[in-house]
Amino acid sequence: DLNRAVLRWAREEVPQDAGLVRTAIEVLAISQRFERIGDLTTSMAEEV
């Protein structure tokens, strides 16, 4: 849910400020990696 909220932030903020594009790219990349860590953590729990 938080990953989707970050995506919504990017969709709302970037059109208002083109200078945010590069920042948004990095923020989205961070969000995607945390989301993937969540997936792998879930896999660990399932292995337990």
ModelCIF file with pLDDT and N, C-alpha, C, O atoms, coordinates in Angstrom:
data_MODEL
#
_entry.id   MODEL 
#
_entity.id                         1 
_entity.type                       polymer 
_entity.pdbx_number_of_molecules   1 
#
_entity_poly.entity_id                      1 
_entity_poly.type                           'polypeptide(L)' 
_entity_poly.nstd_linkage                   no 
_entity_poly.nstd_monomer                   no 
_entity_poly.pdbx_seq_one_letter_code       DLNRAVLRWAREEVPQDAGLVRTAIEVLAISQRFERIGDLTTSMAEEV 
_entity_poly.pdbx_seq_one_letter_code_can   DLNRAVLRWAREEVPQDAGLVRTAIEVLAISQRFERIGDLTTSMAEEV 
_entity_poly.pdbx_strand_id                 A 
#
loop_
_entity_poly_seq.entity_id 
_entity_poly_seq.num 
_entity_poly_seq.mon_id 
_entity_poly_seq.hetero 
1 1  ASP n 
1 2  LEU n 
1 3  ASN n 
1 4  ARG n 
1 5  ALA n 
1 6  VAL n 
1 7  LEU n 
1 8  ARG n 
1 9  TRP n 
1 10 ALA n 
1 11 ARG n 
1 12 GLU n 
1 13 GLU n 
1 14 VAL n 
1 15 PRO n 
1 16 GLN n 
1 17 ASP n 
1 18 ALA n 
1 19 GLY n 
1 20 LEU n 
1 21 VAL n 
1 22 ARG n 
1 23 THR n 
1 24 ALA n 
1 25 ILE n 
1 26 GLU n 
1 27 VAL n 
1 28 LEU n 
1 29 ALA n 
1 30 ILE n 
1 31 SER n 
1 32 GLN n 
1 33 ARG n 
1 34 PHE n 
1 35 GLU n 
1 36 ARG n 
1 37 ILE n 
1 38 GLY n 
1 39 ASP n 
1 40 LEU n 
1 41 THR n 
1 42 THR n 
1 43 SER n 
1 44 MET n 
1 45 ALA n 
1 46 GLU n 
1 47 GLU n 
1 48 VAL n 
#
_struct_asym.id          A 
_struct_asym.entity_id   1 
#
loop_
_ma_qa_metric.id 
_ma_qa_metric.mode 
_ma_qa_metric.name 
_ma_qa_metric.software_group_id 
_ma_qa_metric.type 
1 global pLDDT . pLDDT 
2 local  pLDDT . pLDDT 
#
_ma_qa_metric_global.metric_id      1 
_ma_qa_metric_global.metric_value   91.90 
_ma_qa_metric_global.model_id       1 
_ma_qa_metric_global.ordinal_id     1 
#
loop_
_ma_qa_metric_local.label_asym_id 
_ma_qa_metric_local.label_comp_id 
_ma_qa_metric_local.label_seq_id 
_ma_qa_metric_local.metric_id 
_ma_qa_metric_local.metric_value 
_ma_qa_metric_local.model_id 
_ma_qa_metric_local.ordinal_id 
A ASP 1  2 96.00 1 1  
A LEU 2  2 96.00 1 2  
A ASN 3  2 96.00 1 3  
A ARG 4  2 96.00 1 4  
A ALA 5  2 96.00 1 5  
A VAL 6  2 94.00 1 6  
A LEU 7  2 94.00 1 7  
A ARG 8  2 94.00 1 8  
A TRP 9  2 91.00 1 9  
A ALA 10 2 90.00 1 10 
A ARG 11 2 90.00 1 11 
A GLU 12 2 88.00 1 12 
A GLU 13 2 82.00 1 13 
A VAL 14 2 81.00 1 14 
A PRO 15 2 82.00 1 15 
A GLN 16 2 81.00 1 16 
A ASP 17 2 77.00 1 17 
A ALA 18 2 73.00 1 18 
A GLY 19 2 76.00 1 19 
A LEU 20 2 83.00 1 20 
A VAL 21 2 88.00 1 21 
A ARG 22 2 89.00 1 22 
A THR 23 2 90.00 1 23 
A ALA 24 2 90.00 1 24 
A ILE 25 2 92.00 1 25 
A GLU 26 2 93.00 1 26 
A VAL 27 2 94.00 1 27 
A LEU 28 2 95.00 1 28 
A ALA 29 2 96.00 1 29 
A ILE 30 2 96.00 1 30 
A SER 31 2 96.00 1 31 
A GLN 32 2 96.00 1 32 
A ARG 33 2 97.00 1 33 
A PHE 34 2 97.00 1 34 
A GLU 35 2 97.00 1 35 
A ARG 36 2 97.00 1 36 
A ILE 37 2 98.00 1 37 
A GLY 38 2 97.00 1 38 
A ASP 39 2 96.00 1 39 
A LEU 40 2 97.00 1 40 
A THR 41 2 97.00 1 41 
A THR 42 2 96.00 1 42 
A SER 43 2 95.00 1 43 
A MET 44 2 96.00 1 44 
A ALA 45 2 96.00 1 45 
A GLU 46 2 95.00 1 46 
A GLU 47 2 94.00 1 47 
A VAL 48 2 95.00 1 48 
#
loop_
_atom_site.group_PDB 
_atom_site.id 
_atom_site.type_symbol 
_atom_site.label_atom_id 
_atom_site.label_alt_id 
_atom_site.label_comp_id 
_atom_site.label_asym_id 
_atom_site.label_entity_id 
_atom_site.label_seq_id 
_atom_site.pdbx_PDB_ins_code 
_atom_site.Cartn_x 
_atom_site.Cartn_y 
_atom_site.Cartn_z 
_atom_site.occupancy 
_atom_site.B_iso_or_equiv 
_atom_site.pdbx_formal_charge 
_atom_site.auth_seq_id 
_atom_site.auth_comp_id 
_atom_site.auth_asym_id 
_atom_site.auth_atom_id 
_atom_site.pdbx_PDB_model_num 
ATOM 1   N N  . ASP A 1 1  ? 0.836  -1.207  0.000   1.00 96.00 ? 1  ASP A N  1 
ATOM 2   C CA . ASP A 1 1  ? 0.000  0.000   0.000   1.00 96.00 ? 1  ASP A CA 1 
ATOM 3   C C  . ASP A 1 1  ? 0.873  1.260   0.000   1.00 96.00 ? 1  ASP A C  1 
ATOM 4   O O  . ASP A 1 1  ? 0.568  2.229   -0.696  1.00 96.00 ? 1  ASP A O  1 
ATOM 5   N N  . LEU A 1 2  ? 1.937  1.245   0.766   1.00 96.00 ? 2  LEU A N  1 
ATOM 6   C CA . LEU A 1 2  ? 2.832  2.406   0.832   1.00 96.00 ? 2  LEU A CA 1 
ATOM 7   C C  . LEU A 1 2  ? 3.556  2.613   -0.494  1.00 96.00 ? 2  LEU A C  1 
ATOM 8   O O  . LEU A 1 2  ? 3.788  3.749   -0.908  1.00 96.00 ? 2  LEU A O  1 
ATOM 9   N N  . ASN A 1 3  ? 3.909  1.526   -1.152  1.00 96.00 ? 3  ASN A N  1 
ATOM 10  C CA . ASN A 1 3  ? 4.541  1.640   -2.464  1.00 96.00 ? 3  ASN A CA 1 
ATOM 11  C C  . ASN A 1 3  ? 3.593  2.322   -3.450  1.00 96.00 ? 3  ASN A C  1 
ATOM 12  O O  . ASN A 1 3  ? 4.014  3.165   -4.241  1.00 96.00 ? 3  ASN A O  1 
ATOM 13  N N  . ARG A 1 4  ? 2.328  1.958   -3.399  1.00 96.00 ? 4  ARG A N  1 
ATOM 14  C CA . ARG A 1 4  ? 1.342  2.600   -4.269  1.00 96.00 ? 4  ARG A CA 1 
ATOM 15  C C  . ARG A 1 4  ? 1.162  4.081   -3.914  1.00 96.00 ? 4  ARG A C  1 
ATOM 16  O O  . ARG A 1 4  ? 0.928  4.915   -4.788  1.00 96.00 ? 4  ARG A O  1 
ATOM 17  N N  . ALA A 1 5  ? 1.275  4.391   -2.621  1.00 96.00 ? 5  ALA A N  1 
ATOM 18  C CA . ALA A 1 5  ? 1.154  5.789   -2.196  1.00 96.00 ? 5  ALA A CA 1 
ATOM 19  C C  . ALA A 1 5  ? 2.312  6.627   -2.736  1.00 96.00 ? 5  ALA A C  1 
ATOM 20  O O  . ALA A 1 5  ? 2.120  7.789   -3.094  1.00 96.00 ? 5  ALA A O  1 
ATOM 21  N N  . VAL A 1 6  ? 3.496  6.055   -2.796  1.00 94.00 ? 6  VAL A N  1 
ATOM 22  C CA . VAL A 1 6  ? 4.647  6.772   -3.368  1.00 94.00 ? 6  VAL A CA 1 
ATOM 23  C C  . VAL A 1 6  ? 4.422  7.024   -4.855  1.00 94.00 ? 6  VAL A C  1 
ATOM 24  O O  . VAL A 1 6  ? 4.745  8.097   -5.366  1.00 94.00 ? 6  VAL A O  1 
ATOM 25  N N  . LEU A 1 7  ? 3.872  6.042   -5.539  1.00 94.00 ? 7  LEU A N  1 
ATOM 26  C CA . LEU A 1 7  ? 3.573  6.206   -6.961  1.00 94.00 ? 7  LEU A CA 1 
ATOM 27  C C  . LEU A 1 7  ? 2.549  7.327   -7.173  1.00 94.00 ? 7  LEU A C  1 
ATOM 28  O O  . LEU A 1 7  ? 2.670  8.119   -8.107  1.00 94.00 ? 7  LEU A O  1 
ATOM 29  N N  . ARG A 1 8  ? 1.552  7.383   -6.307  1.00 94.00 ? 8  ARG A N  1 
ATOM 30  C CA . ARG A 1 8  ? 0.562  8.467   -6.414  1.00 94.00 ? 8  ARG A CA 1 
ATOM 31  C C  . ARG A 1 8  ? 1.214  9.831   -6.185  1.00 94.00 ? 8  ARG A C  1 
ATOM 32  O O  . ARG A 1 8  ? 0.901  10.805  -6.870  1.00 94.00 ? 8  ARG A O  1 
ATOM 33  N N  . TRP A 1 9  ? 2.123  9.883   -5.214  1.00 91.00 ? 9  TRP A N  1 
ATOM 34  C CA . TRP A 1 9  ? 2.867  11.129  -4.955  1.00 91.00 ? 9  TRP A CA 1 
ATOM 35  C C  . TRP A 1 9  ? 3.575  11.599  -6.221  1.00 91.00 ? 9  TRP A C  1 
ATOM 36  O O  . TRP A 1 9  ? 3.493  12.773  -6.582  1.00 91.00 ? 9  TRP A O  1 
ATOM 37  N N  . ALA A 1 10 ? 4.266  10.687  -6.894  1.00 90.00 ? 10 ALA A N  1 
ATOM 38  C CA . ALA A 1 10 ? 5.007  11.055  -8.107  1.00 90.00 ? 10 ALA A CA 1 
ATOM 39  C C  . ALA A 1 10 ? 4.057  11.553  -9.190  1.00 90.00 ? 10 ALA A C  1 
ATOM 40  O O  . ALA A 1 10 ? 4.349  12.535  -9.873  1.00 90.00 ? 10 ALA A O  1 
ATOM 41  N N  . ARG A 1 11 ? 2.927  10.882  -9.345  1.00 90.00 ? 11 ARG A N  1 
ATOM 42  C CA . ARG A 1 11 ? 1.952  11.270  -10.379 1.00 90.00 ? 11 ARG A CA 1 
ATOM 43  C C  . ARG A 1 11 ? 1.363  12.658  -10.099 1.00 90.00 ? 11 ARG A C  1 
ATOM 44  O O  . ARG A 1 11 ? 1.051  13.408  -11.025 1.00 90.00 ? 11 ARG A O  1 
ATOM 45  N N  . GLU A 1 12 ? 1.216  12.985  -8.829  1.00 88.00 ? 12 GLU A N  1 
ATOM 46  C CA . GLU A 1 12 ? 0.613  14.272  -8.469  1.00 88.00 ? 12 GLU A CA 1 
ATOM 47  C C  . GLU A 1 12 ? 1.616  15.419  -8.484  1.00 88.00 ? 12 GLU A C  1 
ATOM 48  O O  . GLU A 1 12 ? 1.275  16.532  -8.885  1.00 88.00 ? 12 GLU A O  1 
ATOM 49  N N  . GLU A 1 13 ? 2.851  15.161  -8.049  1.00 82.00 ? 13 GLU A N  1 
ATOM 50  C CA . GLU A 1 13 ? 3.828  16.227  -7.866  1.00 82.00 ? 13 GLU A CA 1 
ATOM 51  C C  . GLU A 1 13 ? 4.603  16.577  -9.130  1.00 82.00 ? 13 GLU A C  1 
ATOM 52  O O  . GLU A 1 13 ? 4.854  17.752  -9.396  1.00 82.00 ? 13 GLU A O  1 
ATOM 53  N N  . VAL A 1 14 ? 4.978  15.583  -9.899  1.00 81.00 ? 14 VAL A N  1 
ATOM 54  C CA . VAL A 1 14 ? 5.824  15.842  -11.071 1.00 81.00 ? 14 VAL A CA 1 
ATOM 55  C C  . VAL A 1 14 ? 5.147  16.765  -12.090 1.00 81.00 ? 14 VAL A C  1 
ATOM 56  O O  . VAL A 1 14 ? 5.802  17.676  -12.596 1.00 81.00 ? 14 VAL A O  1 
ATOM 57  N N  . PRO A 1 15 ? 3.861  16.566  -12.411 1.00 82.00 ? 15 PRO A N  1 
ATOM 58  C CA . PRO A 1 15 ? 3.242  17.492  -13.373 1.00 82.00 ? 15 PRO A CA 1 
ATOM 59  C C  . PRO A 1 15 ? 3.252  18.945  -12.910 1.00 82.00 ? 15 PRO A C  1 
ATOM 60  O O  . PRO A 1 15 ? 3.195  19.856  -13.735 1.00 82.00 ? 15 PRO A O  1 
ATOM 61  N N  . GLN A 1 16 ? 3.323  19.170  -11.601 1.00 81.00 ? 16 GLN A N  1 
ATOM 62  C CA . GLN A 1 16 ? 3.326  20.531  -11.072 1.00 81.00 ? 16 GLN A CA 1 
ATOM 63  C C  . GLN A 1 16 ? 4.714  21.155  -11.066 1.00 81.00 ? 16 GLN A C  1 
ATOM 64  O O  . GLN A 1 16 ? 4.849  22.378  -11.017 1.00 81.00 ? 16 GLN A O  1 
ATOM 65  N N  . ASP A 1 17 ? 5.745  20.319  -11.115 1.00 77.00 ? 17 ASP A N  1 
ATOM 66  C CA . ASP A 1 17 ? 7.122  20.820  -11.050 1.00 77.00 ? 17 ASP A CA 1 
ATOM 67  C C  . ASP A 1 17 ? 8.023  19.888  -11.856 1.00 77.00 ? 17 ASP A C  1 
ATOM 68  O O  . ASP A 1 17 ? 8.431  18.831  -11.377 1.00 77.00 ? 17 ASP A O  1 
ATOM 69  N N  . ALA A 1 18 ? 8.328  20.299  -13.093 1.00 73.00 ? 18 ALA A N  1 
ATOM 70  C CA . ALA A 1 18 ? 9.148  19.460  -13.977 1.00 73.00 ? 18 ALA A CA 1 
ATOM 71  C C  . ALA A 1 18 ? 10.533 19.212  -13.401 1.00 73.00 ? 18 ALA A C  1 
ATOM 72  O O  . ALA A 1 18 ? 11.188 18.233  -13.760 1.00 73.00 ? 18 ALA A O  1 
ATOM 73  N N  . GLY A 1 19 ? 10.983 20.089  -12.513 1.00 76.00 ? 19 GLY A N  1 
ATOM 74  C CA . GLY A 1 19 ? 12.299 19.910  -11.906 1.00 76.00 ? 19 GLY A CA 1 
ATOM 75  C C  . GLY A 1 19 ? 12.368 18.735  -10.951 1.00 76.00 ? 19 GLY A C  1 
ATOM 76  O O  . GLY A 1 19 ? 13.448 18.345  -10.506 1.00 76.00 ? 19 GLY A O  1 
ATOM 77  N N  . LEU A 1 20 ? 11.203 18.169  -10.638 1.00 83.00 ? 20 LEU A N  1 
ATOM 78  C CA . LEU A 1 20 ? 11.154 17.017  -9.729  1.00 83.00 ? 20 LEU A CA 1 
ATOM 79  C C  . LEU A 1 20 ? 11.365 15.680  -10.433 1.00 83.00 ? 20 LEU A C  1 
ATOM 80  O O  . LEU A 1 20 ? 11.432 14.643  -9.772  1.00 83.00 ? 20 LEU A O  1 
ATOM 81  N N  . VAL A 1 21 ? 11.469 15.686  -11.747 1.00 88.00 ? 21 VAL A N  1 
ATOM 82  C CA . VAL A 1 21 ? 11.493 14.421  -12.487 1.00 88.00 ? 21 VAL A CA 1 
ATOM 83  C C  . VAL A 1 21 ? 12.624 13.515  -12.021 1.00 88.00 ? 21 VAL A C  1 
ATOM 84  O O  . VAL A 1 21 ? 12.386 12.351  -11.698 1.00 88.00 ? 21 VAL A O  1 
ATOM 85  N N  . ARG A 1 22 ? 13.845 14.026  -11.980 1.00 89.00 ? 22 ARG A N  1 
ATOM 86  C CA . ARG A 1 22 ? 14.984 13.184  -11.595 1.00 89.00 ? 22 ARG A CA 1 
ATOM 87  C C  . ARG A 1 22 ? 14.859 12.720  -10.144 1.00 89.00 ? 22 ARG A C  1 
ATOM 88  O O  . ARG A 1 22 ? 15.179 11.578  -9.814  1.00 89.00 ? 22 ARG A O  1 
ATOM 89  N N  . THR A 1 23 ? 14.394 13.620  -9.291  1.00 90.00 ? 23 THR A N  1 
ATOM 90  C CA . THR A 1 23 ? 14.189 13.234  -7.892  1.00 90.00 ? 23 THR A CA 1 
ATOM 91  C C  . THR A 1 23 ? 13.132 12.142  -7.781  1.00 90.00 ? 23 THR A C  1 
ATOM 92  O O  . THR A 1 23 ? 13.306 11.176  -7.039  1.00 90.00 ? 23 THR A O  1 
ATOM 93  N N  . ALA A 1 24 ? 12.043 12.298  -8.515  1.00 90.00 ? 24 ALA A N  1 
ATOM 94  C CA . ALA A 1 24 ? 10.965 11.309  -8.468  1.00 90.00 ? 24 ALA A CA 1 
ATOM 95  C C  . ALA A 1 24 ? 11.444 9.943   -8.934  1.00 90.00 ? 24 ALA A C  1 
ATOM 96  O O  . ALA A 1 24 ? 11.046 8.916   -8.384  1.00 90.00 ? 24 ALA A O  1 
ATOM 97  N N  . ILE A 1 25 ? 12.299 9.935   -9.950  1.00 92.00 ? 25 ILE A N  1 
ATOM 98  C CA . ILE A 1 25 ? 12.840 8.662   -10.450 1.00 92.00 ? 25 ILE A CA 1 
ATOM 99  C C  . ILE A 1 25 ? 13.603 7.941   -9.339  1.00 92.00 ? 25 ILE A C  1 
ATOM 100 O O  . ILE A 1 25 ? 13.437 6.737   -9.148  1.00 92.00 ? 25 ILE A O  1 
ATOM 101 N N  . GLU A 1 26 ? 14.436 8.678   -8.610  1.00 93.00 ? 26 GLU A N  1 
ATOM 102 C CA . GLU A 1 26 ? 15.220 8.067   -7.535  1.00 93.00 ? 26 GLU A CA 1 
ATOM 103 C C  . GLU A 1 26 ? 14.314 7.611   -6.385  1.00 93.00 ? 26 GLU A C  1 
ATOM 104 O O  . GLU A 1 26 ? 14.514 6.536   -5.820  1.00 93.00 ? 26 GLU A O  1 
ATOM 105 N N  . VAL A 1 27 ? 13.323 8.433   -6.046  1.00 94.00 ? 27 VAL A N  1 
ATOM 106 C CA . VAL A 1 27 ? 12.401 8.076   -4.965  1.00 94.00 ? 27 VAL A CA 1 
ATOM 107 C C  . VAL A 1 27 ? 11.605 6.822   -5.331  1.00 94.00 ? 27 VAL A C  1 
ATOM 108 O O  . VAL A 1 27 ? 11.426 5.932   -4.501  1.00 94.00 ? 27 VAL A O  1 
ATOM 109 N N  . LEU A 1 28 ? 11.135 6.758   -6.564  1.00 95.00 ? 28 LEU A N  1 
ATOM 110 C CA . LEU A 1 28 ? 10.390 5.570   -7.004  1.00 95.00 ? 28 LEU A CA 1 
ATOM 111 C C  . LEU A 1 28 ? 11.273 4.329   -6.986  1.00 95.00 ? 28 LEU A C  1 
ATOM 112 O O  . LEU A 1 28 ? 10.811 3.242   -6.639  1.00 95.00 ? 28 LEU A O  1 
ATOM 113 N N  . ALA A 1 29 ? 12.539 4.484   -7.359  1.00 96.00 ? 29 ALA A N  1 
ATOM 114 C CA . ALA A 1 29 ? 13.463 3.348   -7.336  1.00 96.00 ? 29 ALA A CA 1 
ATOM 115 C C  . ALA A 1 29 ? 13.682 2.850   -5.906  1.00 96.00 ? 29 ALA A C  1 
ATOM 116 O O  . ALA A 1 29 ? 13.754 1.645   -5.666  1.00 96.00 ? 29 ALA A O  1 
ATOM 117 N N  . ILE A 1 30 ? 13.787 3.780   -4.966  1.00 96.00 ? 30 ILE A N  1 
ATOM 118 C CA . ILE A 1 30 ? 13.921 3.398   -3.553  1.00 96.00 ? 30 ILE A CA 1 
ATOM 119 C C  . ILE A 1 30 ? 12.675 2.650   -3.097  1.00 96.00 ? 30 ILE A C  1 
ATOM 120 O O  . ILE A 1 30 ? 12.766 1.608   -2.449  1.00 96.00 ? 30 ILE A O  1 
ATOM 121 N N  . SER A 1 31 ? 11.513 3.190   -3.442  1.00 96.00 ? 31 SER A N  1 
ATOM 122 C CA . SER A 1 31 ? 10.248 2.562   -3.054  1.00 96.00 ? 31 SER A CA 1 
ATOM 123 C C  . SER A 1 31 ? 10.129 1.149   -3.613  1.00 96.00 ? 31 SER A C  1 
ATOM 124 O O  . SER A 1 31 ? 9.720  0.231   -2.903  1.00 96.00 ? 31 SER A O  1 
ATOM 125 N N  . GLN A 1 32 ? 10.479 0.975   -4.864  1.00 96.00 ? 32 GLN A N  1 
ATOM 126 C CA . GLN A 1 32 ? 10.397 -0.348  -5.491  1.00 96.00 ? 32 GLN A CA 1 
ATOM 127 C C  . GLN A 1 32 ? 11.315 -1.351  -4.800  1.00 96.00 ? 32 GLN A C  1 
ATOM 128 O O  . GLN A 1 32 ? 10.972 -2.524  -4.657  1.00 96.00 ? 32 GLN A O  1 
ATOM 129 N N  . ARG A 1 33 ? 12.473 -0.881  -4.378  1.00 97.00 ? 33 ARG A N  1 
ATOM 130 C CA . ARG A 1 33 ? 13.411 -1.789  -3.699  1.00 97.00 ? 33 ARG A CA 1 
ATOM 131 C C  . ARG A 1 33 ? 12.925 -2.168  -2.305  1.00 97.00 ? 33 ARG A C  1 
ATOM 132 O O  . ARG A 1 33 ? 13.089 -3.312  -1.880  1.00 97.00 ? 33 ARG A O  1 
ATOM 133 N N  . PHE A 1 34 ? 12.328 -1.215  -1.591  1.00 97.00 ? 34 PHE A N  1 
ATOM 134 C CA . PHE A 1 34 ? 11.738 -1.573  -0.303  1.00 97.00 ? 34 PHE A CA 1 
ATOM 135 C C  . PHE A 1 34 ? 10.577 -2.548  -0.487  1.00 97.00 ? 34 PHE A C  1 
ATOM 136 O O  . PHE A 1 34 ? 10.408 -3.472  0.308   1.00 97.00 ? 34 PHE A O  1 
ATOM 137 N N  . GLU A 1 35 ? 9.791  -2.346  -1.521  1.00 97.00 ? 35 GLU A N  1 
ATOM 138 C CA . GLU A 1 35 ? 8.686  -3.266  -1.797  1.00 97.00 ? 35 GLU A CA 1 
ATOM 139 C C  . GLU A 1 35 ? 9.211  -4.666  -2.073  1.00 97.00 ? 35 GLU A C  1 
ATOM 140 O O  . GLU A 1 35 ? 8.621  -5.654  -1.634  1.00 97.00 ? 35 GLU A O  1 
ATOM 141 N N  . ARG A 1 36 ? 10.322 -4.750  -2.802  1.00 97.00 ? 36 ARG A N  1 
ATOM 142 C CA . ARG A 1 36 ? 10.925 -6.058  -3.091  1.00 97.00 ? 36 ARG A CA 1 
ATOM 143 C C  . ARG A 1 36 ? 11.498 -6.694  -1.823  1.00 97.00 ? 36 ARG A C  1 
ATOM 144 O O  . ARG A 1 36 ? 11.419 -7.909  -1.644  1.00 97.00 ? 36 ARG A O  1 
ATOM 145 N N  . ILE A 1 37 ? 12.074 -5.870  -0.947  1.00 98.00 ? 37 ILE A N  1 
ATOM 146 C CA . ILE A 1 37 ? 12.553 -6.405  0.332   1.00 98.00 ? 37 ILE A CA 1 
ATOM 147 C C  . ILE A 1 37 ? 11.383 -6.999  1.106   1.00 98.00 ? 37 ILE A C  1 
ATOM 148 O O  . ILE A 1 37 ? 11.520 -8.044  1.741   1.00 98.00 ? 37 ILE A O  1 
ATOM 149 N N  . GLY A 1 38 ? 10.224 -6.328  1.052   1.00 97.00 ? 38 GLY A N  1 
ATOM 150 C CA . GLY A 1 38 ? 9.031  -6.868  1.696   1.00 97.00 ? 38 GLY A CA 1 
ATOM 151 C C  . GLY A 1 38 ? 8.642  -8.217  1.124   1.00 97.00 ? 38 GLY A C  1 
ATOM 152 O O  . GLY A 1 38 ? 8.270  -9.124  1.869   1.00 97.00 ? 38 GLY A O  1 
ATOM 153 N N  . ASP A 1 39 ? 8.724  -8.358  -0.193  1.00 96.00 ? 39 ASP A N  1 
ATOM 154 C CA . ASP A 1 39 ? 8.398  -9.643  -0.833  1.00 96.00 ? 39 ASP A CA 1 
ATOM 155 C C  . ASP A 1 39 ? 9.351  -10.745 -0.380  1.00 96.00 ? 39 ASP A C  1 
ATOM 156 O O  . ASP A 1 39 ? 8.922  -11.858 -0.074  1.00 96.00 ? 39 ASP A O  1 
ATOM 157 N N  . LEU A 1 40 ? 10.634 -10.434 -0.340  1.00 97.00 ? 40 LEU A N  1 
ATOM 158 C CA . LEU A 1 40 ? 11.626 -11.436 0.070   1.00 97.00 ? 40 LEU A CA 1 
ATOM 159 C C  . LEU A 1 40 ? 11.476 -11.783 1.541   1.00 97.00 ? 40 LEU A C  1 
ATOM 160 O O  . LEU A 1 40 ? 11.680 -12.930 1.938   1.00 97.00 ? 40 LEU A O  1 
ATOM 161 N N  . THR A 1 41 ? 11.123 -10.798 2.343   1.00 97.00 ? 41 THR A N  1 
ATOM 162 C CA . THR A 1 41 ? 10.888 -11.045 3.768   1.00 97.00 ? 41 THR A CA 1 
ATOM 163 C C  . THR A 1 41 ? 9.693  -11.973 3.953   1.00 97.00 ? 41 THR A C  1 
ATOM 164 O O  . THR A 1 41 ? 9.708  -12.855 4.812   1.00 97.00 ? 41 THR A O  1 
ATOM 165 N N  . THR A 1 42 ? 8.664  -11.769 3.144   1.00 96.00 ? 42 THR A N  1 
ATOM 166 C CA . THR A 1 42 ? 7.504  -12.661 3.175   1.00 96.00 ? 42 THR A CA 1 
ATOM 167 C C  . THR A 1 42 ? 7.907  -14.081 2.784   1.00 96.00 ? 42 THR A C  1 
ATOM 168 O O  . THR A 1 42 ? 7.451  -15.052 3.388   1.00 96.00 ? 42 THR A O  1 
ATOM 169 N N  . SER A 1 43 ? 8.761  -14.194 1.775   1.00 95.00 ? 43 SER A N  1 
ATOM 170 C CA . SER A 1 43 ? 9.249  -15.525 1.374   1.00 95.00 ? 43 SER A CA 1 
ATOM 171 C C  . SER A 1 43 ? 10.003 -16.194 2.519   1.00 95.00 ? 43 SER A C  1 
ATOM 172 O O  . SER A 1 43 ? 9.854  -17.394 2.747   1.00 95.00 ? 43 SER A O  1 
ATOM 173 N N  . MET A 1 44 ? 10.819 -15.410 3.245   1.00 96.00 ? 44 MET A N  1 
ATOM 174 C CA . MET A 1 44 ? 11.510 -15.950 4.417   1.00 96.00 ? 44 MET A CA 1 
ATOM 175 C C  . MET A 1 44 ? 10.516 -16.493 5.427   1.00 96.00 ? 44 MET A C  1 
ATOM 176 O O  . MET A 1 44 ? 10.686 -17.592 5.954   1.00 96.00 ? 44 MET A O  1 
ATOM 177 N N  . ALA A 1 45 ? 9.470  -15.706 5.694   1.00 96.00 ? 45 ALA A N  1 
ATOM 178 C CA . ALA A 1 45 ? 8.460  -16.136 6.662   1.00 96.00 ? 45 ALA A CA 1 
ATOM 179 C C  . ALA A 1 45 ? 7.781  -17.427 6.216   1.00 96.00 ? 45 ALA A C  1 
ATOM 180 O O  . ALA A 1 45 ? 7.513  -18.307 7.034   1.00 96.00 ? 45 ALA A O  1 
ATOM 181 N N  . GLU A 1 46 ? 7.506  -17.539 4.926   1.00 95.00 ? 46 GLU A N  1 
ATOM 182 C CA . GLU A 1 46 ? 6.881  -18.751 4.405   1.00 95.00 ? 46 GLU A CA 1 
ATOM 183 C C  . GLU A 1 46 ? 7.818  -19.949 4.531   1.00 95.00 ? 46 GLU A C  1 
ATOM 184 O O  . GLU A 1 46 ? 7.364  -21.069 4.770   1.00 95.00 ? 46 GLU A O  1 
ATOM 185 N N  . GLU A 1 47 ? 9.117  -19.722 4.374   1.00 94.00 ? 47 GLU A N  1 
ATOM 186 C CA . GLU A 1 47 ? 10.083 -20.804 4.560   1.00 94.00 ? 47 GLU A CA 1 
ATOM 187 C C  . GLU A 1 47 ? 10.131 -21.245 6.025   1.00 94.00 ? 47 GLU A C  1 
ATOM 188 O O  . GLU A 1 47 ? 10.311 -22.429 6.310   1.00 94.00 ? 47 GLU A O  1 
ATOM 189 N N  . VAL A 1 48 ? 9.971  -20.290 6.960   1.00 95.00 ? 48 VAL A N  1 
ATOM 190 C CA . VAL A 1 48 ? 9.935  -20.647 8.380   1.00 95.00 ? 48 VAL A CA 1 
ATOM 191 C C  . VAL A 1 48 ? 8.747  -21.563 8.653   1.00 95.00 ? 48 VAL A C  1 
ATOM 192 O O  . VAL A 1 48 ? 8.537  -21.980 9.792   1.00 95.00 ? 48 VAL A O  1 
#
